[in-house]
Amino acid sequence: MENQQLEQQPAQRVGAGFSLAAMQQAQQTALDCLHQIAARLEPGILEADAIAIAKAVLQQAGAEQHWHPPIIRFGHNTAKIYSEPSAPDSRLCENDIFFIDLGPVFAGHEADVGATFCVGNNPVHQHVQQAAHQVFALVAAHWRATGCSGASLYQVAADAAAQQGMVLNHQIKGHRVGDFPHKLYASGQLGGCEGEVRSGIWVLEIQLLDPASGYGGFVEQVLF
């Protein structure tokens, strides 16, 4: 009954083929791929070649298509949002920070995963990485504990980022996913979702900026 009531809200609708179990499996498969891709990225590689590796790994895992193409950012490109182009010919350095953002479709359901990684032992990079993942974990836990609105989640995120000495990127406030293509049924930002946030169809996106260094951290997953 609770999900039926949520489905009546335009922003929370899904298609007739939607399956929560299929969403969970798609997300887990994408997470496995994300870590496989990260393990293959070595200093000296170009962003373009890293994206080619990502596509190959996802295809081998059974991705039918990409509801959004893989995005991989190295160094100061981590401060840019998905719609901004990277600096040309960006290469991963010996001591560097990078993030991976994947949007594959498995069994007709859309996954969306992102995480930040470091190579080398630069303490600034490590702080940015840890802050992004810690803020994400705190906000996701707050949602599970309270069931609060998307707008409230991003206020929690902003406060948590500030405590880490970071700035939350307010252009990135989560979005819808579902059975492919979700835009036939609904779209919108998680940060604009009023009322209860339905499990399995909203992506929590956290992108932080370290104002001192100019590096960014990014983490995202579907909320379950």
N, C-alpha and C. Protein backbone atom coordinates (compact mmCIF):
# COMPACT_ATOMS: atom_id res chain seq x y z
N MET A 1 0.83 -1.21 0.00
CA MET A 1 0.00 0.00 0.00
C MET A 1 0.87 1.26 0.00
N GLU A 2 1.95 1.24 0.80
CA GLU A 2 2.81 2.41 0.88
C GLU A 2 3.43 2.72 -0.47
N ASN A 3 3.95 1.70 -1.17
CA ASN A 3 4.55 1.94 -2.48
C ASN A 3 3.51 2.38 -3.50
N GLN A 4 2.28 1.85 -3.38
CA GLN A 4 1.22 2.25 -4.31
C GLN A 4 0.91 3.73 -4.15
N GLN A 5 0.90 4.21 -2.91
CA GLN A 5 0.66 5.63 -2.68
C GLN A 5 1.80 6.47 -3.25
N LEU A 6 3.03 6.01 -3.07
CA LEU A 6 4.17 6.75 -3.61
C LEU A 6 4.14 6.77 -5.13
N GLU A 7 3.72 5.65 -5.75
CA GLU A 7 3.67 5.56 -7.21
C GLU A 7 2.71 6.58 -7.81
N GLN A 8 1.72 7.02 -7.02
CA GLN A 8 0.76 7.99 -7.54
C GLN A 8 1.38 9.38 -7.67
N GLN A 9 2.51 9.60 -7.02
CA GLN A 9 3.20 10.88 -7.14
C GLN A 9 3.98 10.87 -8.46
N PRO A 10 3.80 11.87 -9.32
CA PRO A 10 4.42 11.84 -10.65
C PRO A 10 5.92 11.59 -10.65
N ALA A 11 6.65 12.16 -9.71
CA ALA A 11 8.11 12.02 -9.70
C ALA A 11 8.56 10.62 -9.30
N GLN A 12 7.65 9.80 -8.76
CA GLN A 12 8.04 8.49 -8.23
C GLN A 12 7.50 7.33 -9.07
N ARG A 13 6.92 7.61 -10.22
CA ARG A 13 6.34 6.55 -11.03
C ARG A 13 7.40 5.69 -11.70
N VAL A 14 7.05 4.44 -11.96
CA VAL A 14 7.91 3.50 -12.68
C VAL A 14 7.08 2.81 -13.75
N GLY A 15 7.77 2.04 -14.61
CA GLY A 15 7.08 1.32 -15.66
C GLY A 15 6.50 0.00 -15.17
N ALA A 16 5.71 -0.63 -16.03
CA ALA A 16 5.05 -1.89 -15.67
C ALA A 16 6.07 -3.01 -15.44
N GLY A 17 7.25 -2.91 -16.06
CA GLY A 17 8.26 -3.95 -15.91
C GLY A 17 9.21 -3.74 -14.75
N PHE A 18 8.97 -2.73 -13.93
CA PHE A 18 9.89 -2.41 -12.84
C PHE A 18 9.93 -3.51 -11.80
N SER A 19 11.16 -3.83 -11.35
CA SER A 19 11.37 -4.82 -10.30
C SER A 19 12.41 -4.29 -9.34
N LEU A 20 12.07 -4.23 -8.06
CA LEU A 20 13.04 -3.76 -7.07
C LEU A 20 14.23 -4.71 -6.99
N ALA A 21 13.96 -6.01 -7.09
CA ALA A 21 15.06 -6.99 -7.05
C ALA A 21 15.99 -6.81 -8.25
N ALA A 22 15.43 -6.51 -9.42
CA ALA A 22 16.26 -6.29 -10.61
C ALA A 22 17.08 -5.02 -10.46
N MET A 23 16.51 -3.99 -9.83
CA MET A 23 17.28 -2.76 -9.57
C MET A 23 18.45 -3.04 -8.64
N GLN A 24 18.21 -3.83 -7.60
CA GLN A 24 19.27 -4.15 -6.66
C GLN A 24 20.39 -4.95 -7.34
N GLN A 25 20.00 -5.90 -8.19
CA GLN A 25 21.00 -6.71 -8.88
C GLN A 25 21.79 -5.87 -9.87
N ALA A 26 21.12 -4.98 -10.59
CA ALA A 26 21.80 -4.09 -11.53
C ALA A 26 22.81 -3.22 -10.80
N GLN A 27 22.41 -2.71 -9.65
CA GLN A 27 23.29 -1.84 -8.88
C GLN A 27 24.51 -2.61 -8.39
N GLN A 28 24.31 -3.83 -7.90
CA GLN A 28 25.43 -4.61 -7.40
C GLN A 28 26.40 -4.98 -8.52
N THR A 29 25.87 -5.34 -9.67
CA THR A 29 26.73 -5.67 -10.81
C THR A 29 27.54 -4.45 -11.23
N ALA A 30 26.91 -3.29 -11.25
CA ALA A 30 27.62 -2.07 -11.61
C ALA A 30 28.71 -1.73 -10.60
N LEU A 31 28.43 -1.94 -9.32
CA LEU A 31 29.45 -1.68 -8.29
C LEU A 31 30.65 -2.61 -8.47
N ASP A 32 30.38 -3.87 -8.78
CA ASP A 32 31.47 -4.82 -9.02
C ASP A 32 32.32 -4.35 -10.21
N CYS A 33 31.65 -3.90 -11.25
CA CYS A 33 32.37 -3.40 -12.43
C CYS A 33 33.19 -2.16 -12.09
N LEU A 34 32.62 -1.28 -11.30
CA LEU A 34 33.33 -0.04 -10.93
C LEU A 34 34.68 -0.35 -10.29
N HIS A 35 34.69 -1.31 -9.37
CA HIS A 35 35.94 -1.64 -8.68
C HIS A 35 36.92 -2.37 -9.61
N GLN A 36 36.40 -3.15 -10.54
CA GLN A 36 37.27 -3.78 -11.54
C GLN A 36 37.94 -2.71 -12.42
N ILE A 37 37.17 -1.72 -12.81
CA ILE A 37 37.70 -0.65 -13.65
C ILE A 37 38.77 0.13 -12.89
N ALA A 38 38.47 0.51 -11.65
CA ALA A 38 39.42 1.29 -10.86
C ALA A 38 40.75 0.56 -10.71
N ALA A 39 40.69 -0.76 -10.55
CA ALA A 39 41.91 -1.55 -10.37
C ALA A 39 42.78 -1.58 -11.62
N ARG A 40 42.19 -1.28 -12.77
CA ARG A 40 42.93 -1.33 -14.03
C ARG A 40 43.50 0.02 -14.46
N LEU A 41 43.20 1.07 -13.70
CA LEU A 41 43.67 2.40 -14.08
C LEU A 41 45.01 2.69 -13.43
N GLU A 42 46.04 2.79 -14.24
CA GLU A 42 47.39 3.01 -13.76
C GLU A 42 47.91 4.37 -14.20
N PRO A 43 48.86 4.95 -13.44
CA PRO A 43 49.42 6.25 -13.83
C PRO A 43 49.90 6.25 -15.27
N GLY A 44 49.60 7.35 -15.95
CA GLY A 44 49.97 7.51 -17.35
C GLY A 44 48.82 7.31 -18.31
N ILE A 45 47.74 6.66 -17.86
CA ILE A 45 46.61 6.40 -18.74
C ILE A 45 45.83 7.68 -19.02
N LEU A 46 45.33 7.83 -20.23
CA LEU A 46 44.47 8.95 -20.59
C LEU A 46 43.04 8.71 -20.12
N GLU A 47 42.31 9.77 -19.83
CA GLU A 47 40.90 9.61 -19.48
C GLU A 47 40.13 8.87 -20.57
N ALA A 48 40.41 9.19 -21.83
CA ALA A 48 39.70 8.54 -22.94
C ALA A 48 39.94 7.04 -22.95
N ASP A 49 41.17 6.61 -22.65
CA ASP A 49 41.47 5.18 -22.61
C ASP A 49 40.82 4.52 -21.39
N ALA A 50 40.73 5.25 -20.29
CA ALA A 50 40.05 4.72 -19.10
C ALA A 50 38.57 4.48 -19.39
N ILE A 51 37.96 5.38 -20.13
CA ILE A 51 36.55 5.22 -20.49
C ILE A 51 36.37 4.02 -21.40
N ALA A 52 37.32 3.78 -22.30
CA ALA A 52 37.25 2.60 -23.16
C ALA A 52 37.34 1.32 -22.33
N ILE A 53 38.17 1.31 -21.31
CA ILE A 53 38.25 0.16 -20.40
C ILE A 53 36.91 -0.04 -19.69
N ALA A 54 36.32 1.05 -19.23
CA ALA A 54 35.04 0.97 -18.53
C ALA A 54 33.97 0.34 -19.42
N LYS A 55 33.91 0.76 -20.66
CA LYS A 55 32.91 0.22 -21.58
C LYS A 55 33.13 -1.27 -21.81
N ALA A 56 34.40 -1.68 -21.92
CA ALA A 56 34.71 -3.09 -22.15
C ALA A 56 34.32 -3.94 -20.94
N VAL A 57 34.62 -3.46 -19.75
CA VAL A 57 34.27 -4.20 -18.53
C VAL A 57 32.76 -4.34 -18.40
N LEU A 58 32.04 -3.27 -18.66
CA LEU A 58 30.58 -3.31 -18.55
C LEU A 58 29.97 -4.24 -19.60
N GLN A 59 30.50 -4.20 -20.80
CA GLN A 59 29.99 -5.09 -21.85
C GLN A 59 30.21 -6.55 -21.46
N GLN A 60 31.37 -6.85 -20.92
CA GLN A 60 31.67 -8.22 -20.52
C GLN A 60 30.75 -8.67 -19.38
N ALA A 61 30.33 -7.72 -18.54
CA ALA A 61 29.44 -8.04 -17.43
C ALA A 61 27.99 -8.18 -17.86
N GLY A 62 27.69 -7.87 -19.13
CA GLY A 62 26.33 -8.07 -19.64
C GLY A 62 25.50 -6.81 -19.77
N ALA A 63 26.14 -5.64 -19.70
CA ALA A 63 25.38 -4.40 -19.88
C ALA A 63 24.77 -4.35 -21.27
N GLU A 64 23.49 -4.07 -21.33
CA GLU A 64 22.78 -4.03 -22.61
C GLU A 64 23.04 -2.71 -23.33
N GLN A 65 23.20 -1.67 -22.56
CA GLN A 65 23.47 -0.33 -23.09
C GLN A 65 23.83 0.55 -21.90
N HIS A 66 24.00 1.83 -22.17
CA HIS A 66 24.32 2.79 -21.12
C HIS A 66 23.23 3.86 -21.12
N TRP A 67 22.53 4.00 -20.01
CA TRP A 67 21.53 5.08 -19.99
C TRP A 67 22.24 6.43 -19.84
N HIS A 68 23.46 6.42 -19.32
CA HIS A 68 24.37 7.55 -19.52
C HIS A 68 25.77 6.97 -19.69
N PRO A 69 26.61 7.58 -20.52
CA PRO A 69 27.93 7.01 -20.80
C PRO A 69 28.84 7.07 -19.59
N PRO A 70 29.84 6.18 -19.52
CA PRO A 70 30.79 6.26 -18.40
C PRO A 70 31.51 7.60 -18.38
N ILE A 71 31.69 8.11 -17.17
CA ILE A 71 32.42 9.36 -16.96
C ILE A 71 33.57 9.06 -16.00
N ILE A 72 34.78 9.41 -16.40
CA ILE A 72 35.96 9.23 -15.54
C ILE A 72 36.74 10.53 -15.55
N ARG A 73 37.06 11.02 -14.36
CA ARG A 73 37.75 12.31 -14.21
C ARG A 73 39.04 12.13 -13.42
N PHE A 74 40.11 12.71 -13.92
CA PHE A 74 41.41 12.67 -13.25
C PHE A 74 41.77 14.05 -12.70
N GLY A 75 42.47 14.08 -11.58
CA GLY A 75 43.05 15.32 -11.06
C GLY A 75 42.04 16.42 -10.85
N HIS A 76 42.36 17.63 -11.35
CA HIS A 76 41.46 18.77 -11.14
C HIS A 76 40.17 18.66 -11.95
N ASN A 77 40.11 17.72 -12.87
CA ASN A 77 38.83 17.48 -13.55
C ASN A 77 37.76 16.95 -12.59
N THR A 78 38.18 16.45 -11.43
CA THR A 78 37.22 15.93 -10.46
C THR A 78 36.32 17.03 -9.90
N ALA A 79 36.69 18.28 -10.10
CA ALA A 79 35.85 19.39 -9.63
C ALA A 79 34.73 19.72 -10.61
N LYS A 80 34.76 19.10 -11.80
CA LYS A 80 33.79 19.43 -12.83
C LYS A 80 32.57 18.52 -12.76
N ILE A 81 31.41 19.07 -13.14
CA ILE A 81 30.21 18.25 -13.18
C ILE A 81 30.15 17.50 -14.51
N TYR A 82 29.18 16.58 -14.61
CA TYR A 82 29.10 15.67 -15.76
C TYR A 82 29.02 16.39 -17.10
N SER A 83 28.43 17.57 -17.14
CA SER A 83 28.22 18.27 -18.41
C SER A 83 29.41 19.12 -18.84
N GLU A 84 30.41 19.24 -17.98
CA GLU A 84 31.58 20.06 -18.30
C GLU A 84 32.68 19.17 -18.90
N PRO A 85 33.30 19.59 -20.00
CA PRO A 85 34.37 18.79 -20.59
C PRO A 85 35.63 18.81 -19.73
N SER A 86 36.34 17.68 -19.75
CA SER A 86 37.64 17.63 -19.08
C SER A 86 38.68 18.42 -19.87
N ALA A 87 39.76 18.77 -19.18
CA ALA A 87 40.89 19.36 -19.88
C ALA A 87 41.42 18.34 -20.89
N PRO A 88 41.82 18.78 -22.07
CA PRO A 88 42.25 17.84 -23.11
C PRO A 88 43.45 16.98 -22.67
N ASP A 89 43.45 15.72 -23.14
CA ASP A 89 44.57 14.80 -22.94
C ASP A 89 44.94 14.63 -21.46
N SER A 90 43.93 14.56 -20.61
CA SER A 90 44.19 14.41 -19.18
C SER A 90 44.70 13.00 -18.88
N ARG A 91 45.81 12.94 -18.16
CA ARG A 91 46.41 11.65 -17.78
C ARG A 91 46.42 11.49 -16.27
N LEU A 92 46.31 10.26 -15.82
CA LEU A 92 46.41 9.96 -14.40
C LEU A 92 47.87 10.05 -13.97
N CYS A 93 48.14 10.80 -12.92
CA CYS A 93 49.50 11.00 -12.44
C CYS A 93 49.88 9.96 -11.39
N GLU A 94 51.17 9.95 -11.02
CA GLU A 94 51.66 9.00 -10.02
C GLU A 94 50.97 9.19 -8.68
N ASN A 95 50.79 10.44 -8.29
CA ASN A 95 50.00 10.78 -7.10
C ASN A 95 48.80 11.57 -7.58
N ASP A 96 47.62 10.96 -7.50
CA ASP A 96 46.47 11.60 -8.12
C ASP A 96 45.17 11.15 -7.46
N ILE A 97 44.11 11.80 -7.86
CA ILE A 97 42.76 11.48 -7.42
C ILE A 97 41.90 11.35 -8.66
N PHE A 98 40.94 10.42 -8.63
CA PHE A 98 40.05 10.28 -9.77
C PHE A 98 38.71 9.72 -9.31
N PHE A 99 37.69 9.96 -10.13
CA PHE A 99 36.41 9.30 -9.85
C PHE A 99 35.86 8.65 -11.11
N ILE A 100 35.00 7.67 -10.87
CA ILE A 100 34.33 6.91 -11.92
C ILE A 100 32.83 7.02 -11.70
N ASP A 101 32.09 7.25 -12.77
CA ASP A 101 30.62 7.36 -12.73
C ASP A 101 30.07 6.50 -13.86
N LEU A 102 29.29 5.47 -13.50
CA LEU A 102 28.78 4.52 -14.48
C LEU A 102 27.25 4.52 -14.49
N GLY A 103 26.67 4.37 -15.69
CA GLY A 103 25.21 4.31 -15.82
C GLY A 103 24.76 3.20 -16.76
N PRO A 104 25.11 1.95 -16.47
CA PRO A 104 24.74 0.85 -17.36
C PRO A 104 23.31 0.36 -17.13
N VAL A 105 22.81 -0.38 -18.10
CA VAL A 105 21.49 -1.02 -18.00
C VAL A 105 21.70 -2.53 -18.00
N PHE A 106 21.21 -3.18 -16.97
CA PHE A 106 21.24 -4.64 -16.87
C PHE A 106 19.82 -5.16 -16.72
N ALA A 107 19.45 -6.13 -17.55
CA ALA A 107 18.12 -6.74 -17.49
C ALA A 107 17.02 -5.68 -17.52
N GLY A 108 17.23 -4.66 -18.34
CA GLY A 108 16.22 -3.63 -18.50
C GLY A 108 16.10 -2.66 -17.35
N HIS A 109 17.05 -2.66 -16.42
CA HIS A 109 17.00 -1.77 -15.25
C HIS A 109 18.29 -0.97 -15.16
N GLU A 110 18.14 0.29 -14.75
CA GLU A 110 19.23 1.26 -14.78
C GLU A 110 20.01 1.27 -13.45
N ALA A 111 21.29 1.03 -13.55
CA ALA A 111 22.17 1.23 -12.40
C ALA A 111 22.80 2.61 -12.50
N ASP A 112 23.28 3.12 -11.38
CA ASP A 112 24.06 4.36 -11.39
C ASP A 112 24.97 4.32 -10.17
N VAL A 113 26.27 4.23 -10.43
CA VAL A 113 27.24 4.14 -9.33
C VAL A 113 28.40 5.08 -9.59
N GLY A 114 28.94 5.62 -8.52
CA GLY A 114 30.10 6.48 -8.62
C GLY A 114 30.92 6.40 -7.36
N ALA A 115 32.23 6.54 -7.49
CA ALA A 115 33.12 6.53 -6.33
C ALA A 115 34.42 7.24 -6.68
N THR A 116 35.12 7.68 -5.64
CA THR A 116 36.38 8.39 -5.78
C THR A 116 37.53 7.52 -5.28
N PHE A 117 38.64 7.59 -5.98
CA PHE A 117 39.80 6.76 -5.67
C PHE A 117 41.07 7.62 -5.67
N CYS A 118 42.11 7.11 -5.02
CA CYS A 118 43.41 7.77 -5.02
C CYS A 118 44.48 6.81 -5.48
N VAL A 119 45.48 7.34 -6.16
CA VAL A 119 46.72 6.61 -6.41
C VAL A 119 47.84 7.40 -5.75
N GLY A 120 48.83 6.68 -5.20
CA GLY A 120 49.86 7.37 -4.45
C GLY A 120 49.39 7.64 -3.02
N ASN A 121 50.06 8.56 -2.36
CA ASN A 121 49.78 8.80 -0.94
C ASN A 121 49.67 10.28 -0.60
N ASN A 122 49.11 11.06 -1.51
CA ASN A 122 48.92 12.48 -1.26
C ASN A 122 47.83 12.67 -0.20
N PRO A 123 48.15 13.28 0.94
CA PRO A 123 47.15 13.42 2.02
C PRO A 123 45.97 14.29 1.65
N VAL A 124 46.17 15.27 0.77
CA VAL A 124 45.06 16.12 0.34
C VAL A 124 44.06 15.29 -0.46
N HIS A 125 44.56 14.50 -1.40
CA HIS A 125 43.69 13.63 -2.18
C HIS A 125 42.93 12.66 -1.27
N GLN A 126 43.65 12.09 -0.32
CA GLN A 126 43.02 11.12 0.57
C GLN A 126 41.93 11.76 1.42
N HIS A 127 42.16 12.99 1.85
CA HIS A 127 41.13 13.69 2.63
C HIS A 127 39.88 13.94 1.79
N VAL A 128 40.07 14.38 0.55
CA VAL A 128 38.93 14.64 -0.34
C VAL A 128 38.15 13.35 -0.58
N GLN A 129 38.86 12.27 -0.88
CA GLN A 129 38.21 10.98 -1.11
C GLN A 129 37.42 10.55 0.12
N GLN A 130 38.05 10.58 1.28
CA GLN A 130 37.39 10.13 2.50
C GLN A 130 36.20 11.00 2.85
N ALA A 131 36.33 12.31 2.66
CA ALA A 131 35.23 13.22 2.96
C ALA A 131 34.01 12.92 2.10
N ALA A 132 34.24 12.71 0.80
CA ALA A 132 33.11 12.41 -0.10
C ALA A 132 32.39 11.15 0.31
N HIS A 133 33.14 10.11 0.63
CA HIS A 133 32.51 8.84 1.00
C HIS A 133 31.86 8.93 2.38
N GLN A 134 32.45 9.66 3.29
CA GLN A 134 31.86 9.81 4.62
C GLN A 134 30.57 10.61 4.58
N VAL A 135 30.57 11.69 3.79
CA VAL A 135 29.34 12.49 3.67
C VAL A 135 28.23 11.66 3.03
N PHE A 136 28.59 10.91 1.97
CA PHE A 136 27.59 10.06 1.34
C PHE A 136 27.01 9.07 2.35
N ALA A 137 27.86 8.38 3.09
CA ALA A 137 27.39 7.37 4.05
C ALA A 137 26.50 7.99 5.12
N LEU A 138 26.86 9.18 5.59
CA LEU A 138 26.06 9.84 6.62
C LEU A 138 24.67 10.20 6.08
N VAL A 139 24.63 10.74 4.87
CA VAL A 139 23.35 11.16 4.29
C VAL A 139 22.47 9.95 3.99
N ALA A 140 23.06 8.89 3.44
CA ALA A 140 22.29 7.67 3.15
C ALA A 140 21.73 7.08 4.45
N ALA A 141 22.54 7.07 5.50
CA ALA A 141 22.07 6.55 6.78
C ALA A 141 20.95 7.40 7.35
N HIS A 142 21.04 8.71 7.16
CA HIS A 142 19.98 9.62 7.63
C HIS A 142 18.67 9.32 6.91
N TRP A 143 18.75 9.07 5.60
CA TRP A 143 17.54 8.73 4.85
C TRP A 143 16.93 7.43 5.37
N ARG A 144 17.75 6.42 5.60
CA ARG A 144 17.23 5.13 6.08
C ARG A 144 16.61 5.26 7.46
N ALA A 145 17.16 6.14 8.28
CA ALA A 145 16.67 6.30 9.65
C ALA A 145 15.41 7.15 9.73
N THR A 146 15.27 8.13 8.82
CA THR A 146 14.19 9.10 8.96
C THR A 146 13.16 9.07 7.84
N GLY A 147 13.57 8.58 6.63
CA GLY A 147 12.66 8.64 5.49
C GLY A 147 12.33 10.06 5.07
N CYS A 148 13.25 10.99 5.29
CA CYS A 148 12.96 12.41 5.06
C CYS A 148 12.95 12.74 3.57
N SER A 149 12.58 13.96 3.25
CA SER A 149 12.50 14.42 1.87
C SER A 149 13.88 14.58 1.26
N GLY A 150 13.91 14.65 -0.07
CA GLY A 150 15.17 14.87 -0.76
C GLY A 150 15.79 16.21 -0.42
N ALA A 151 14.96 17.23 -0.29
CA ALA A 151 15.47 18.56 0.06
C ALA A 151 16.18 18.53 1.41
N SER A 152 15.60 17.80 2.36
CA SER A 152 16.22 17.70 3.69
C SER A 152 17.54 16.95 3.62
N LEU A 153 17.60 15.93 2.76
CA LEU A 153 18.85 15.17 2.62
C LEU A 153 19.99 16.06 2.18
N TYR A 154 19.72 16.96 1.26
CA TYR A 154 20.82 17.80 0.76
C TYR A 154 21.19 18.92 1.71
N GLN A 155 20.31 19.27 2.63
CA GLN A 155 20.73 20.18 3.69
C GLN A 155 21.65 19.45 4.65
N VAL A 156 21.32 18.20 4.95
CA VAL A 156 22.21 17.37 5.78
C VAL A 156 23.57 17.24 5.10
N ALA A 157 23.57 17.02 3.78
CA ALA A 157 24.82 16.88 3.03
C ALA A 157 25.66 18.15 3.09
N ALA A 158 25.02 19.30 2.93
CA ALA A 158 25.75 20.57 2.96
C ALA A 158 26.41 20.80 4.32
N ASP A 159 25.66 20.48 5.38
CA ASP A 159 26.19 20.66 6.73
C ASP A 159 27.35 19.70 6.99
N ALA A 160 27.20 18.46 6.53
CA ALA A 160 28.25 17.46 6.75
C ALA A 160 29.50 17.81 5.95
N ALA A 161 29.33 18.32 4.74
CA ALA A 161 30.47 18.74 3.93
C ALA A 161 31.24 19.87 4.61
N ALA A 162 30.50 20.84 5.14
CA ALA A 162 31.15 21.97 5.80
C ALA A 162 31.97 21.52 7.00
N GLN A 163 31.49 20.51 7.71
CA GLN A 163 32.23 20.00 8.86
C GLN A 163 33.55 19.35 8.44
N GLN A 164 33.62 18.91 7.19
CA GLN A 164 34.84 18.31 6.65
C GLN A 164 35.74 19.36 5.98
N GLY A 165 35.33 20.63 6.02
CA GLY A 165 36.08 21.67 5.34
C GLY A 165 35.87 21.69 3.85
N MET A 166 34.75 21.09 3.40
CA MET A 166 34.45 20.95 1.98
C MET A 166 33.19 21.74 1.63
N VAL A 167 32.98 21.92 0.32
CA VAL A 167 31.79 22.62 -0.16
C VAL A 167 30.97 21.64 -1.00
N LEU A 168 29.69 21.52 -0.71
CA LEU A 168 28.80 20.68 -1.50
C LEU A 168 28.47 21.38 -2.81
N ASN A 169 28.58 20.65 -3.91
CA ASN A 169 28.19 21.20 -5.22
C ASN A 169 26.67 21.11 -5.32
N HIS A 170 26.00 22.26 -5.25
CA HIS A 170 24.54 22.29 -5.24
C HIS A 170 23.93 22.10 -6.64
N GLN A 171 24.79 22.03 -7.68
CA GLN A 171 24.25 21.72 -9.01
C GLN A 171 23.92 20.23 -9.13
N ILE A 172 24.50 19.42 -8.27
CA ILE A 172 24.36 17.96 -8.33
C ILE A 172 23.53 17.52 -7.14
N LYS A 173 22.25 17.22 -7.36
CA LYS A 173 21.37 16.88 -6.25
C LYS A 173 20.56 15.61 -6.52
N GLY A 174 21.23 14.61 -7.11
CA GLY A 174 20.55 13.33 -7.29
C GLY A 174 19.51 13.36 -8.38
N HIS A 175 19.00 12.17 -8.72
CA HIS A 175 18.06 12.07 -9.83
C HIS A 175 17.36 10.72 -9.82
N ARG A 176 16.43 10.56 -10.73
CA ARG A 176 15.65 9.33 -10.88
C ARG A 176 16.39 8.29 -11.71
N VAL A 177 16.10 7.03 -11.42
CA VAL A 177 16.41 5.89 -12.28
C VAL A 177 15.21 4.95 -12.22
N GLY A 178 15.31 3.81 -12.90
CA GLY A 178 14.23 2.83 -12.87
C GLY A 178 14.38 1.83 -13.97
N ASP A 179 13.25 1.26 -14.40
CA ASP A 179 13.31 0.39 -15.57
C ASP A 179 13.52 1.29 -16.79
N PHE A 180 14.40 0.83 -17.68
CA PHE A 180 14.84 1.67 -18.80
C PHE A 180 13.75 1.82 -19.86
N PRO A 181 13.55 3.06 -20.37
CA PRO A 181 14.13 4.33 -19.90
C PRO A 181 13.23 4.99 -18.87
N HIS A 182 13.77 5.36 -17.75
CA HIS A 182 12.94 5.91 -16.67
C HIS A 182 12.26 7.21 -17.08
N LYS A 183 12.82 7.94 -18.06
CA LYS A 183 12.26 9.24 -18.42
C LYS A 183 10.91 9.12 -19.12
N LEU A 184 10.52 7.91 -19.49
CA LEU A 184 9.16 7.72 -20.00
C LEU A 184 8.13 7.90 -18.90
N TYR A 185 8.55 7.68 -17.66
CA TYR A 185 7.60 7.69 -16.55
C TYR A 185 7.80 8.87 -15.61
N ALA A 186 9.06 9.23 -15.37
CA ALA A 186 9.32 10.30 -14.41
C ALA A 186 10.76 10.77 -14.53
N SER A 187 11.01 11.96 -14.02
CA SER A 187 12.37 12.48 -13.93
C SER A 187 12.39 13.47 -12.77
N GLY A 188 13.50 14.17 -12.62
CA GLY A 188 13.58 15.16 -11.56
C GLY A 188 14.75 14.91 -10.64
N GLN A 189 15.06 15.92 -9.83
CA GLN A 189 16.17 15.84 -8.88
C GLN A 189 15.70 15.30 -7.54
N LEU A 190 16.54 14.47 -6.93
CA LEU A 190 16.26 14.01 -5.58
C LEU A 190 16.13 15.20 -4.63
N GLY A 191 16.98 16.21 -4.83
CA GLY A 191 16.95 17.39 -3.97
C GLY A 191 15.66 18.18 -4.07
N GLY A 192 14.85 17.91 -5.10
CA GLY A 192 13.56 18.58 -5.24
C GLY A 192 12.38 17.70 -4.89
N CYS A 193 12.67 16.47 -4.43
CA CYS A 193 11.59 15.52 -4.11
C CYS A 193 11.03 15.83 -2.73
N GLU A 194 9.79 16.26 -2.70
CA GLU A 194 9.12 16.56 -1.43
C GLU A 194 8.45 15.31 -0.89
N GLY A 195 8.41 15.20 0.42
CA GLY A 195 7.79 14.04 1.02
C GLY A 195 8.72 12.84 1.01
N GLU A 196 8.17 11.66 1.25
CA GLU A 196 8.97 10.45 1.39
C GLU A 196 9.64 10.08 0.07
N VAL A 197 10.88 9.63 0.17
CA VAL A 197 11.66 9.21 -0.99
C VAL A 197 11.55 7.69 -1.14
N ARG A 198 11.01 7.25 -2.25
CA ARG A 198 10.78 5.83 -2.47
C ARG A 198 12.09 5.07 -2.69
N SER A 199 12.21 3.91 -2.09
CA SER A 199 13.39 3.07 -2.23
C SER A 199 13.52 2.52 -3.65
N GLY A 200 14.78 2.48 -4.14
CA GLY A 200 15.08 1.79 -5.38
C GLY A 200 14.96 2.59 -6.65
N ILE A 201 14.59 3.86 -6.57
CA ILE A 201 14.41 4.64 -7.80
C ILE A 201 15.11 6.01 -7.76
N TRP A 202 15.73 6.33 -6.63
CA TRP A 202 16.40 7.63 -6.51
C TRP A 202 17.88 7.43 -6.27
N VAL A 203 18.70 8.19 -7.00
CA VAL A 203 20.15 8.16 -6.84
C VAL A 203 20.57 9.31 -5.93
N LEU A 204 21.27 8.96 -4.86
CA LEU A 204 21.89 9.97 -4.02
C LEU A 204 23.26 10.28 -4.59
N GLU A 205 23.45 11.52 -5.01
CA GLU A 205 24.70 12.01 -5.59
C GLU A 205 25.33 13.01 -4.64
N ILE A 206 26.59 12.80 -4.35
CA ILE A 206 27.34 13.75 -3.53
C ILE A 206 28.61 14.14 -4.29
N GLN A 207 28.73 15.42 -4.62
CA GLN A 207 29.97 15.93 -5.22
C GLN A 207 30.47 17.07 -4.35
N LEU A 208 31.69 16.91 -3.86
CA LEU A 208 32.30 17.89 -2.98
C LEU A 208 33.48 18.58 -3.65
N LEU A 209 33.77 19.77 -3.20
CA LEU A 209 34.94 20.52 -3.64
C LEU A 209 35.76 20.91 -2.43
N ASP A 210 37.06 20.66 -2.52
CA ASP A 210 37.99 21.17 -1.52
C ASP A 210 38.43 22.56 -1.99
N PRO A 211 37.95 23.62 -1.38
CA PRO A 211 38.26 24.97 -1.88
C PRO A 211 39.74 25.31 -1.81
N ALA A 212 40.48 24.67 -0.94
CA ALA A 212 41.90 24.98 -0.80
C ALA A 212 42.73 24.40 -1.95
N SER A 213 42.41 23.18 -2.37
CA SER A 213 43.21 22.51 -3.39
C SER A 213 42.58 22.53 -4.77
N GLY A 214 41.27 22.71 -4.84
CA GLY A 214 40.58 22.67 -6.11
C GLY A 214 40.22 21.27 -6.59
N TYR A 215 40.46 20.25 -5.76
CA TYR A 215 40.09 18.88 -6.13
C TYR A 215 38.67 18.58 -5.67
N GLY A 216 38.04 17.64 -6.36
CA GLY A 216 36.69 17.25 -6.01
C GLY A 216 36.60 15.77 -5.68
N GLY A 217 35.54 15.42 -5.00
CA GLY A 217 35.22 14.03 -4.70
C GLY A 217 33.79 13.76 -5.08
N PHE A 218 33.51 12.56 -5.57
CA PHE A 218 32.18 12.22 -6.07
C PHE A 218 31.81 10.81 -5.65
N VAL A 219 30.59 10.65 -5.15
CA VAL A 219 30.06 9.33 -4.79
C VAL A 219 28.58 9.33 -5.12
N GLU A 220 28.10 8.22 -5.68
CA GLU A 220 26.66 8.07 -5.89
C GLU A 220 26.27 6.60 -5.90
N GLN A 221 25.04 6.36 -5.42
CA GLN A 221 24.43 5.05 -5.49
C GLN A 221 22.92 5.23 -5.39
N VAL A 222 22.20 4.21 -5.83
CA VAL A 222 20.75 4.19 -5.66
C VAL A 222 20.44 3.94 -4.19
N LEU A 223 19.47 4.65 -3.65
CA LEU A 223 19.06 4.46 -2.27
C LEU A 223 18.14 3.24 -2.15
N PHE A 224 18.53 2.31 -1.29
CA PHE A 224 17.68 1.14 -0.96
C PHE A 224 17.51 1.07 0.54
